[in-house]
PDB file of N, CA and C in Angstrom:
ATOM      1  N   MET A   1      73.937-152.734 -73.226  1.00  0.00           N
ATOM      2  CA  MET A   1      75.308-152.942 -72.003  1.00  0.00           C
ATOM      3  C   MET A   1      75.003-151.917 -70.646  1.00  0.00           C
ATOM      4  N   ILE A   2      75.248-152.288 -69.521  1.00  0.00           N
ATOM      5  CA  ILE A   2      74.696-152.573 -68.079  1.00  0.00           C
ATOM      6  C   ILE A   2      75.736-151.386 -66.838  1.00  0.00           C
ATOM      7  N   THR A   3      75.554-150.308 -66.004  1.00  0.00           N
ATOM      8  CA  THR A   3      76.082-149.751 -65.587  1.00  0.00           C
ATOM      9  C   THR A   3      77.231-150.607 -65.010  1.00  0.00           C
ATOM     10  N   ASP A   4      78.702-150.077 -64.419  1.00  0.00           N
ATOM     11  CA  ASP A   4      78.992-151.363 -63.314  1.00  0.00           C
ATOM     12  C   ASP A   4      77.875-150.876 -61.495  1.00  0.00           C
ATOM     13  N   ARG A   5      77.319-150.238 -62.097  1.00  0.00           N
ATOM     14  CA  ARG A   5      76.218-149.771 -60.398  1.00  0.00           C
ATOM     15  C   ARG A   5      75.454-150.877 -60.671  1.00  0.00           C
ATOM     16  N   GLN A   6      75.312-151.332 -61.710  1.00  0.00           N
ATOM     17  CA  GLN A   6      73.905-152.057 -62.510  1.00  0.00           C
ATOM     18  C   GLN A   6      74.197-153.622 -62.555  1.00  0.00           C
ATOM     19  N   ARG A   7      75.580-153.582 -62.547  1.00  0.00           N
ATOM     20  CA  ARG A   7      76.364-154.956 -62.886  1.00  0.00           C
ATOM     21  C   ARG A   7      76.441-155.441 -61.479  1.00  0.00           C
ATOM     22  N   ALA A   8      76.712-154.608 -60.787  1.00  0.00           N
ATOM     23  CA  ALA A   8      77.188-154.669 -59.140  1.00  0.00           C
ATOM     24  C   ALA A   8      76.170-155.448 -58.374  1.00  0.00           C
ATOM     25  N   ILE A   9      74.235-154.296 -58.813  1.00  0.00           N
ATOM     26  CA  ILE A   9      73.354-155.457 -58.202  1.00  0.00           C
ATOM     27  C   ILE A   9      73.208-157.061 -59.178  1.00  0.00           C
ATOM     28  N   LEU A  10      73.456-156.971 -59.831  1.00  0.00           N
ATOM     29  CA  LEU A  10      72.703-158.649 -60.488  1.00  0.00           C
ATOM     30  C   LEU A  10      74.389-159.405 -59.282  1.00  0.00           C
ATOM     31  N   ASP A  11      75.656-158.739 -59.396  1.00  0.00           N
ATOM     32  CA  ASP A  11      76.455-159.824 -58.389  1.00  0.00           C
ATOM     33  C   ASP A  11      75.777-159.839 -56.787  1.00  0.00           C
ATOM     34  N   PHE A  12      75.474-158.215 -56.930  1.00  0.00           N
ATOM     35  CA  PHE A  12      74.969-158.304 -55.649  1.00  0.00           C
ATOM     36  C   PHE A  12      73.269-160.062 -54.961  1.00  0.00           C
ATOM     37  N   GLU A  13      72.463-159.743 -56.870  1.00  0.00           N
ATOM     38  CA  GLU A  13      71.246-161.015 -56.113  1.00  0.00           C
ATOM     39  C   GLU A  13      72.177-162.509 -56.068  1.00  0.00           C
ATOM     40  N   ARG A  14      73.158-162.422 -57.269  1.00  0.00           N
ATOM     41  CA  ARG A  14      73.913-163.758 -57.273  1.00  0.00           C
ATOM     42  C   ARG A  14      74.340-164.174 -55.955  1.00  0.00           C
ATOM     43  N   SER A  15      74.855-163.429 -54.755  1.00  0.00           N
ATOM     44  CA  SER A  15      74.997-163.767 -53.595  1.00  0.00           C
ATOM     45  C   SER A  15      75.075-163.719 -52.904  1.00  0.00           C
ATOM     46  N   TRP A  16      74.042-162.380 -52.388  1.00  0.00           N
ATOM     47  CA  TRP A  16      73.474-161.857 -50.727  1.00  0.00           C
ATOM     48  C   TRP A  16      73.105-163.049 -50.168  1.00  0.00           C
ATOM     49  N   TRP A  17      72.606-163.533 -49.509  1.00  0.00           N
ATOM     50  CA  TRP A  17      72.228-164.723 -49.441  1.00  0.00           C
ATOM     51  C   TRP A  17      73.488-165.861 -48.131  1.00  0.00           C
ATOM     52  N   THR A  18      75.268-165.566 -48.583  1.00  0.00           N
ATOM     53  CA  THR A  18      75.767-165.313 -48.554  1.00  0.00           C
ATOM     54  C   THR A  18      76.929-165.646 -47.299  1.00  0.00           C
ATOM     55  N   LEU A  19      76.409-163.663 -47.204  1.00  0.00           N
ATOM     56  CA  LEU A  19      77.099-162.990 -46.686  1.00  0.00           C
ATOM     57  C   LEU A  19      76.360-162.495 -44.670  1.00  0.00           C
ATOM     58  N   ASP A  20      77.387-162.508 -44.341  1.00  0.00           N
ATOM     59  CA  ASP A  20      77.082-162.432 -42.426  1.00  0.00           C
ATOM     60  C   ASP A  20      76.196-161.350 -41.771  1.00  0.00           C
ATOM     61  N   GLU A  21      75.874-160.959 -42.503  1.00  0.00           N
ATOM     62  CA  GLU A  21      74.983-159.629 -42.827  1.00  0.00           C
ATOM     63  C   GLU A  21      73.417-159.515 -43.066  1.00  0.00           C
ATOM     64  N   PRO A  22      72.901-159.158 -42.429  1.00  0.00           N
ATOM     65  CA  PRO A  22      70.985-159.183 -43.044  1.00  0.00           C
ATOM     66  C   PRO A  22      71.077-158.538 -44.574  1.00  0.00           C
ATOM     67  N   ARG A  23      69.989-158.339 -45.505  1.00  0.00           N
ATOM     68  CA  ARG A  23      70.202-158.101 -47.204  1.00  0.00           C
ATOM     69  C   ARG A  23      69.772-157.151 -46.483  1.00  0.00           C
ATOM     70  N   ASP A  24      69.093-156.138 -45.928  1.00  0.00           N
ATOM     71  CA  ASP A  24      68.942-155.566 -46.090  1.00  0.00           C
ATOM     72  C   ASP A  24      69.932-153.833 -45.224  1.00  0.00           C
ATOM     73  N   LEU A  25      70.624-154.187 -44.639  1.00  0.00           N
ATOM     74  CA  LEU A  25      72.334-153.395 -44.405  1.00  0.00           C
ATOM     75  C   LEU A  25      72.975-153.763 -45.178  1.00  0.00           C
ATOM     76  N   ALA A  26      73.055-155.014 -45.410  1.00  0.00           N
ATOM     77  CA  ALA A  26      74.254-155.051 -46.837  1.00  0.00           C
ATOM     78  C   ALA A  26      73.252-154.000 -48.340  1.00  0.00           C
ATOM     79  N   ILE A  27      72.607-153.715 -48.707  1.00  0.00           N
ATOM     80  CA  ILE A  27      71.831-152.774 -49.508  1.00  0.00           C
ATOM     81  C   ILE A  27      72.270-151.746 -49.139  1.00  0.00           C
ATOM     82  N   ARG A  28      71.859-150.687 -48.424  1.00  0.00           N
ATOM     83  CA  ARG A  28      72.317-149.689 -47.139  1.00  0.00           C
ATOM     84  C   ARG A  28      74.165-149.594 -47.336  1.00  0.00           C
ATOM     85  N   ALA A  29      74.387-150.474 -47.654  1.00  0.00           N
ATOM     86  CA  ALA A  29      75.858-150.141 -46.655  1.00  0.00           C
ATOM     87  C   ALA A  29      76.847-149.938 -48.625  1.00  0.00           C
ATOM     88  N   ARG A  30      76.426-150.808 -49.556  1.00  0.00           N
ATOM     89  CA  ARG A  30      76.956-151.599 -51.023  1.00  0.00           C
ATOM     90  C   ARG A  30      76.509-150.023 -51.907  1.00  0.00           C
ATOM     91  N   PHE A  31      74.678-150.264 -51.783  1.00  0.00           N
ATOM     92  CA  PHE A  31      74.506-148.520 -52.444  1.00  0.00           C
ATOM     93  C   PHE A  31      74.164-147.438 -52.285  1.00  0.00           C
ATOM     94  N   GLN A  32      73.696-146.893 -50.911  1.00  0.00           N
ATOM     95  CA  GLN A  32      74.528-146.308 -51.031  1.00  0.00           C
ATOM     96  C   GLN A  32      72.119-145.792 -51.141  1.00  0.00           C
ATOM     97  N   CYS A  33      72.177-146.012 -50.521  1.00  0.00           N
ATOM     98  CA  CYS A  33      70.274-146.064 -51.360  1.00  0.00           C
ATOM     99  C   CYS A  33      69.081-146.893 -50.166  1.00  0.00           C
ATOM    100  N   SER A  34      67.951-146.271 -49.849  1.00  0.00           N
ATOM    101  CA  SER A  34      66.690-147.450 -48.973  1.00  0.00           C
ATOM    102  C   SER A  34      66.373-148.341 -49.567  1.00  0.00           C
ATOM    103  N   VAL A  35      65.649-149.666 -49.424  1.00  0.00           N
ATOM    104  CA  VAL A  35      66.045-151.627 -49.670  1.00  0.00           C
ATOM    105  C   VAL A  35      64.892-150.954 -50.855  1.00  0.00           C
ATOM    106  N   GLU A  36      64.054-150.390 -50.738  1.00  0.00           N
ATOM    107  CA  GLU A  36      62.716-149.843 -51.290  1.00  0.00           C
ATOM    108  C   GLU A  36      63.676-148.456 -53.652  1.00  0.00           C
ATOM    109  N   GLU A  37      64.062-147.644 -52.845  1.00  0.00           N
ATOM    110  CA  GLU A  37      64.977-147.759 -53.965  1.00  0.00           C
ATOM    111  C   GLU A  37      65.417-148.634 -54.949  1.00  0.00           C
ATOM    112  N   TYR A  38      66.284-149.462 -54.052  1.00  0.00           N
ATOM    113  CA  TYR A  38      66.717-150.813 -54.862  1.00  0.00           C
ATOM    114  C   TYR A  38      66.432-151.491 -55.169  1.00  0.00           C
ATOM    115  N   ARG A  39      65.202-151.930 -54.810  1.00  0.00           N
ATOM    116  CA  ARG A  39      64.414-152.710 -55.776  1.00  0.00           C
ATOM    117  C   ARG A  39      63.625-151.989 -56.800  1.00  0.00           C
ATOM    118  N   THR A  40      63.073-150.739 -56.847  1.00  0.00           N
ATOM    119  CA  THR A  40      63.010-150.533 -57.928  1.00  0.00           C
ATOM    120  C   THR A  40      63.728-150.632 -59.246  1.00  0.00           C
ATOM    121  N   GLU A  41      65.272-150.663 -58.559  1.00  0.00           N
ATOM    122  CA  GLU A  41      66.418-149.912 -59.069  1.00  0.00           C
ATOM    123  C   GLU A  41      66.953-151.203 -60.294  1.00  0.00           C
ATOM    124  N   LEU A  42      66.068-152.787 -59.029  1.00  0.00           N
ATOM    125  CA  LEU A  42      66.485-153.801 -59.834  1.00  0.00           C
ATOM    126  C   LEU A  42      65.686-154.312 -60.964  1.00  0.00           C
ATOM    127  N   HIS A  43      64.407-154.296 -60.030  1.00  0.00           N
ATOM    128  CA  HIS A  43      63.411-154.308 -61.635  1.00  0.00           C
ATOM    129  C   HIS A  43      63.391-153.699 -62.825  1.00  0.00           C
ATOM    130  N   GLU A  44      63.843-152.398 -62.539  1.00  0.00           N
ATOM    131  CA  GLU A  44      64.685-151.696 -63.846  1.00  0.00           C
ATOM    132  C   GLU A  44      65.117-152.281 -64.360  1.00  0.00           C
ATOM    133  N   LEU A  45      66.264-152.637 -63.497  1.00  0.00           N
ATOM    134  CA  LEU A  45      66.932-153.644 -63.887  1.00  0.00           C
ATOM    135  C   LEU A  45      67.045-154.524 -65.134  1.00  0.00           C
ATOM    136  N   LEU A  46      65.832-155.749 -64.384  1.00  0.00           N
ATOM    137  CA  LEU A  46      65.235-157.260 -64.859  1.00  0.00           C
ATOM    138  C   LEU A  46      64.709-156.568 -66.277  1.00  0.00           C
ATOM    139  N   ASP A  47      64.099-155.022 -67.059  1.00  0.00           N
ATOM    140  CA  ASP A  47      62.638-155.169 -67.786  1.00  0.00           C
ATOM    141  C   ASP A  47      63.987-154.431 -68.476  1.00  0.00           C
ATOM    142  N   ALA A  48      65.268-154.381 -67.960  1.00  0.00           N
ATOM    143  CA  ALA A  48      65.906-153.519 -68.768  1.00  0.00           C
ATOM    144  C   ALA A  48      67.509-154.761 -70.463  1.00  0.00           C
ATOM    145  N   PRO A  49      66.462-153.951 -71.948  1.00  0.00           N
ATOM    146  CA  PRO A  49      67.042-154.497 -72.871  1.00  0.00           C
ATOM    147  C   PRO A  49      68.727-154.717 -72.125  1.00  0.00           C
ATOM    148  N   GLY A  50      68.754-155.942 -72.837  1.00  0.00           N
ATOM    149  CA  GLY A  50      70.773-156.024 -72.018  1.00  0.00           C
ATOM    150  C   GLY A  50      70.799-157.485 -71.412  1.00  0.00           C
ATOM    151  N   THR A  51      69.933-157.211 -70.409  1.00  0.00           N
ATOM    152  CA  THR A  51      70.440-157.618 -69.105  1.00  0.00           C
ATOM    153  C   THR A  51      71.052-158.880 -69.185  1.00  0.00           C
ATOM    154  N   ALA A  52      69.712-160.099 -69.889  1.00  0.00           N
ATOM    155  CA  ALA A  52      70.097-160.447 -69.512  1.00  0.00           C
ATOM    156  C   ALA A  52      70.981-161.791 -70.447  1.00  0.00           C
ATOM    157  N   ASP A  53      70.898-160.605 -71.762  1.00  0.00           N
ATOM    158  CA  ASP A  53      73.023-161.204 -72.386  1.00  0.00           C
ATOM    159  C   ASP A  53      74.030-161.094 -70.748  1.00  0.00           C
ATOM    160  N   VAL A  54      73.970-160.402 -70.176  1.00  0.00           N
ATOM    161  CA  VAL A  54      73.862-160.336 -68.809  1.00  0.00           C
ATOM    162  C   VAL A  54      74.320-162.208 -67.951  1.00  0.00           C
ATOM    163  N   ASP A  55      73.560-162.265 -67.697  1.00  0.00           N
ATOM    164  CA  ASP A  55      73.087-163.604 -67.552  1.00  0.00           C
ATOM    165  C   ASP A  55      71.988-163.830 -67.107  1.00  0.00           C
ATOM    166  N   PRO A  56      72.294-164.272 -68.137  1.00  0.00           N
ATOM    167  CA  PRO A  56      70.760-165.286 -68.528  1.00  0.00           C
ATOM    168  C   PRO A  56      69.870-165.992 -67.518  1.00  0.00           C
ATOM    169  N   LEU A  57      70.177-167.222 -66.827  1.00  0.00           N
ATOM    170  CA  LEU A  57      70.016-167.107 -65.080  1.00  0.00           C
ATOM    171  C   LEU A  57      69.423-167.355 -64.805  1.00  0.00           C
ATOM    172  N   LEU A  58      70.186-166.530 -64.025  1.00  0.00           N
ATOM    173  CA  LEU A  58      70.038-165.252 -62.738  1.00  0.00           C
ATOM    174  C   LEU A  58      67.975-164.813 -63.131  1.00  0.00           C
ATOM    175  N   VAL A  59      69.503-163.151 -64.043  1.00  0.00           N
ATOM    176  CA  VAL A  59      67.873-162.052 -64.378  1.00  0.00           C
ATOM    177  C   VAL A  59      66.378-163.745 -64.918  1.00  0.00           C
ATOM    178  N   ARG A  60      66.517-164.636 -65.499  1.00  0.00           N
ATOM    179  CA  ARG A  60      65.063-164.721 -65.810  1.00  0.00           C
ATOM    180  C   ARG A  60      65.071-165.820 -63.950  1.00  0.00           C
ATOM    181  N   ARG A  61      65.238-165.957 -63.418  1.00  0.00           N
ATOM    182  CA  ARG A  61      65.064-166.801 -62.145  1.00  0.00           C
ATOM    183  C   ARG A  61      64.412-164.753 -61.482  1.00  0.00           C
ATOM    184  N   LEU A  62      65.721-164.547 -61.072  1.00  0.00           N
ATOM    185  CA  LEU A  62      64.379-163.061 -61.020  1.00  0.00           C
ATOM    186  C   LEU A  62      62.907-162.548 -61.045  1.00  0.00           C
ATOM    187  N   GLN A  63      63.050-162.021 -62.778  1.00  0.00           N
ATOM    188  CA  GLN A  63      61.726-162.364 -63.236  1.00  0.00           C
ATOM    189  C   GLN A  63      60.259-163.064 -62.666  1.00  0.00           C
ATOM    190  N   ARG A  64      60.778-164.430 -62.261  1.00  0.00           N
ATOM    191  CA  ARG A  64      60.567-165.672 -61.894  1.00  0.00           C
ATOM    192  C   ARG A  64      59.635-165.245 -60.637  1.00  0.00           C
ATOM    193  N   GLN A  65      60.684-164.855 -59.748  1.00  0.00           N
ATOM    194  CA  GLN A  65      59.810-164.790 -58.571  1.00  0.00           C
ATOM    195  C   GLN A  65      59.181-163.061 -58.131  1.00  0.00           C
ATOM    196  N   ARG A  66      59.961-161.788 -59.037  1.00  0.00           N
ATOM    197  CA  ARG A  66      58.951-161.508 -58.728  1.00  0.00           C
ATOM    198  C   ARG A  66      58.126-161.482 -59.546  1.00  0.00           C
ATOM    199  N   SER A  67      57.372-162.565 -60.318  1.00  0.00           N
ATOM    200  CA  SER A  67      56.111-162.916 -61.356  1.00  0.00           C
ATOM    201  C   SER A  67      55.334-163.374 -60.030  1.00  0.00           C
ATOM    202  N   ARG A  68      56.379-164.645 -59.612  1.00  0.00           N
ATOM    203  CA  ARG A  68      55.241-165.117 -58.326  1.00  0.00           C
ATOM    204  C   ARG A  68      55.061-164.567 -57.265  1.00  0.00           C
ATOM    205  N   ARG A  69      55.807-163.506 -56.524  1.00  0.00           N
ATOM    206  CA  ARG A  69      55.759-162.307 -55.600  1.00  0.00           C
ATOM    207  C   ARG A  69      54.624-161.691 -56.520  1.00  0.00           C
ATOM    208  N   ARG A  70      54.510-161.093 -57.538  1.00  0.00           N
ATOM    209  CA  ARG A  70      52.974-160.198 -57.762  1.00  0.00           C
ATOM    210  C   ARG A  70      51.811-160.939 -57.825  1.00  0.00           C
ATOM    211  N   ARG A  71      52.025-162.596 -58.859  1.00  0.00           N
ATOM    212  CA  ARG A  71      49.702-163.331 -58.144  1.00  0.00           C
ATOM    213  C   ARG A  71      50.187-163.839 -56.669  1.00  0.00           C
ATOM    214  N   GLU A  72      51.317-163.471 -56.173  1.00  0.00           N
ATOM    215  CA  GLU A  72      50.518-163.796 -54.936  1.00  0.00           C
ATOM    216  C   GLU A  72      49.505-162.524 -53.440  1.00  0.00           C
ATOM    217  N   ARG A  73      50.321-161.734 -54.246  1.00  0.00           N
ATOM    218  CA  ARG A  73      49.954-160.023 -54.493  1.00  0.00           C
ATOM    219  C   ARG A  73      48.424-159.351 -54.132  1.00  0.00           C
ATOM    220  N   THR A  74      47.977-160.471 -55.643  1.00  0.00           N
ATOM    221  CA  THR A  74      47.305-160.632 -56.376  1.00  0.00           C
ATOM    222  C   THR A  74      45.431-161.180 -56.037  1.00  0.00           C
ATOM    223  N   ASP A  75      46.653-162.692 -55.689  1.00  0.00           N
ATOM    224  CA  ASP A  75      45.263-163.720 -55.476  1.00  0.00           C
ATOM    225  C   ASP A  75      45.315-163.413 -53.749  1.00  0.00           C
ATOM    226  N   THR A  76      46.207-163.165 -53.107  1.00  0.00           N
ATOM    227  CA  THR A  76      45.197-161.892 -51.749  1.00  0.00           C
ATOM    228  C   THR A  76      44.646-161.418 -51.182  1.00  0.00           C
ATOM    229  N   ASN A  77      45.234-160.352 -53.103  1.00  0.00           N
ATOM    230  CA  ASN A  77      44.058-158.766 -52.685  1.00  0.00           C
ATOM    231  C   ASN A  77      42.421-159.669 -53.637  1.00  0.00           C
ATOM    232  N   ALA A  78      42.767-160.327 -53.799  1.00  0.00           N
ATOM    233  CA  ALA A  78      41.695-161.392 -54.398  1.00  0.00           C
ATOM    234  C   ALA A  78      40.796-161.968 -53.078  1.00  0.00           C
ATOM    235  N   GLY A  79      41.258-162.102 -52.369  1.00  0.00           N
ATOM    236  CA  GLY A  79      40.842-163.249 -51.635  1.00  0.00           C
ATOM    237  C   GLY A  79      40.492-162.472 -50.459  1.00  0.00           C
ATOM    238  N   ALA A  80      40.688-161.157 -50.002  1.00  0.00           N
ATOM    239  CA  ALA A  80      40.600-160.798 -49.560  1.00  0.00           C
ATOM    240  C   ALA A  80      39.048-159.756 -49.160  1.00  0.00           C
ATOM    241  N   GLY A  81      38.964-159.494 -50.324  1.00  0.00           N
ATOM    242  CA  GLY A  81      37.600-158.902 -50.669  1.00  0.00           C
ATOM    243  C   GLY A  81      35.710-159.256 -50.447  1.00  0.00           C
ATOM    244  N   SER A  82      36.820-161.164 -50.192  1.00  0.00           N
ATOM    245  CA  SER A  82      35.663-162.234 -50.500  1.00  0.00           C
ATOM    246  C   SER A  82      34.788-162.348 -49.223  1.00  0.00           C
TER     247      SER A  82
END
């Protein structure tokens, strides 16, 4: 079971691009935390048991995006050492 805050994070991730304000400002206003703290909380939420039961499509999409970004960073860092 997820908390109200965690549900709010998932709701935000589902629709943040429809907002008229920049994402980082919306995060600070809605969640009263830094973008880094929000991302940490989001990543922990994506790995938490039961989160996928709430919104499986959203959670899988966010997990795929996270994996892709990690691979890109790894590939970029590996190429920089060449």
